[in-house]
C-alpha cells in the first residue's frame, strides 16, 4: 500500500499524491519513510524533501522548516514556504 503524501505551504497545496518513499531532513537528521512506518511527528530544518511517487519522476521540494507528521501511511508536510525545486540540467 503506497504512502498518501500532502505537502503544503502557508498559502497553498504544493504537492499531493501517492509515493513509495519520502526522505526529509529533520533536526535529528535525515528521516526516510516507507509504507508501514510507525507514527511520528518531526520538526524539519531548511532543506530538500525528496518524494518518490508511485508513478512519475522524483519530486524534490525545498522547504524552510516546518514539520512532518506520519500516521497510518499518511504523511503531511507543513512549511511556511515550500516549492518544487527546478530540475537541474546535466
Protein backbone atom coordinates (compact mmCIF):
# COMPACT_ATOMS: atom_id res chain seq x y z
CA UNK A 1 0.00 0.00 0.00
CA UNK A 2 1.56 3.34 -1.01
CA UNK A 3 2.01 6.39 1.17
CA UNK A 4 -0.54 9.20 0.85
CA UNK A 5 1.53 12.40 0.83
CA UNK A 6 0.47 16.02 1.15
CA UNK A 7 2.99 18.88 1.10
CA UNK A 8 1.52 22.26 1.99
CA UNK A 9 2.85 25.77 2.50
CA UNK A 10 1.15 28.58 4.39
CA UNK A 11 -0.96 29.58 1.38
CA UNK A 12 -1.37 26.52 -0.88
CA UNK A 13 -1.01 22.80 -1.51
CA UNK A 14 2.38 22.32 -3.17
CA UNK A 15 2.12 18.60 -3.99
CA UNK A 16 -0.08 15.66 -3.11
CA UNK A 17 -0.28 12.08 -4.29
CA UNK A 18 0.88 8.53 -3.69
CA UNK A 19 4.53 7.77 -3.03
CA UNK A 20 6.71 4.78 -2.30
CA UNK A 21 9.21 6.70 -0.10
CA UNK A 22 9.69 10.18 1.35
CA UNK A 23 13.01 11.49 2.68
CA UNK A 24 13.18 14.71 4.71
CA UNK A 25 15.80 16.46 6.85
CA UNK A 26 14.79 16.87 10.48
CA UNK A 27 16.51 18.43 13.48
CA UNK A 28 17.67 14.88 14.33
CA UNK A 29 18.98 14.07 10.83
CA UNK A 30 17.55 12.63 7.62
CA UNK A 31 14.34 10.63 8.00
CA UNK A 32 13.25 8.10 5.39
CA UNK A 33 9.64 6.96 5.47
CA UNK A 34 8.36 3.79 3.81
CA UNK A 35 4.85 2.30 3.95
CA UNK A 36 4.14 0.81 7.37
CA UNK A 37 6.29 3.39 9.22
CA UNK A 38 5.44 3.94 12.87
CA UNK A 39 3.59 7.19 13.68
CA UNK A 40 5.98 10.11 14.11
CA UNK A 41 5.95 13.89 14.38
CA UNK A 42 9.24 15.50 13.35
CA UNK A 43 10.50 19.08 13.15
CA UNK A 44 12.02 19.89 9.75
CA UNK A 45 15.02 22.09 9.08
CA UNK A 46 15.57 24.14 5.94
CA UNK A 47 16.42 21.85 3.06
CA UNK A 48 15.02 19.45 0.49
CA UNK A 49 12.25 16.90 0.78
CA UNK A 50 12.53 14.01 -1.68
CA UNK A 51 9.30 12.32 -2.73
CA UNK A 52 9.39 9.23 -4.95
CA UNK A 53 5.89 8.98 -6.44
CA UNK A 54 4.41 5.59 -7.29
CA UNK A 55 4.35 6.84 -10.91
CA UNK A 56 6.37 9.61 -12.49
CA UNK A 57 9.65 11.36 -11.79
CA UNK A 58 11.11 12.04 -8.34
CA UNK A 59 9.85 15.27 -6.78
CA UNK A 60 12.33 17.49 -4.95
CA UNK A 61 10.79 20.24 -2.85
CA UNK A 62 12.58 23.00 -0.95
CA UNK A 63 11.19 23.82 2.49
CA UNK A 64 12.22 26.47 5.00
CA UNK A 65 11.50 24.28 8.02
CA UNK A 66 8.16 23.19 9.44
CA UNK A 67 7.02 19.75 10.50
CA UNK A 68 6.26 16.30 9.16
CA UNK A 69 3.57 14.01 10.51
CA UNK A 70 3.21 10.28 9.76
CA UNK A 71 0.18 8.22 10.74
CA UNK A 72 -1.39 5.18 9.06
CA UNK A 73 0.67 5.62 5.83
CA UNK A 74 -0.44 9.28 5.55
CA UNK A 75 2.33 11.88 5.50
CA UNK A 76 1.60 15.55 5.97
CA UNK A 77 4.45 18.02 5.46
CA UNK A 78 3.77 21.61 6.52
CA UNK A 79 6.12 24.55 5.95
CA UNK A 80 5.68 28.33 5.84
CA UNK A 81 7.37 28.31 2.44
CA UNK A 82 7.65 25.26 0.21
CA UNK A 83 8.25 24.98 -3.52
CA UNK A 84 9.05 22.28 -6.03
CA UNK A 85 12.73 22.59 -6.90
CA UNK A 86 13.57 23.25 -10.54
CA UNK A 87 15.25 20.29 -12.20
CA UNK A 88 18.94 20.80 -12.84
CA UNK A 89 20.50 20.30 -16.25
CA UNK A 90 23.15 17.58 -16.52
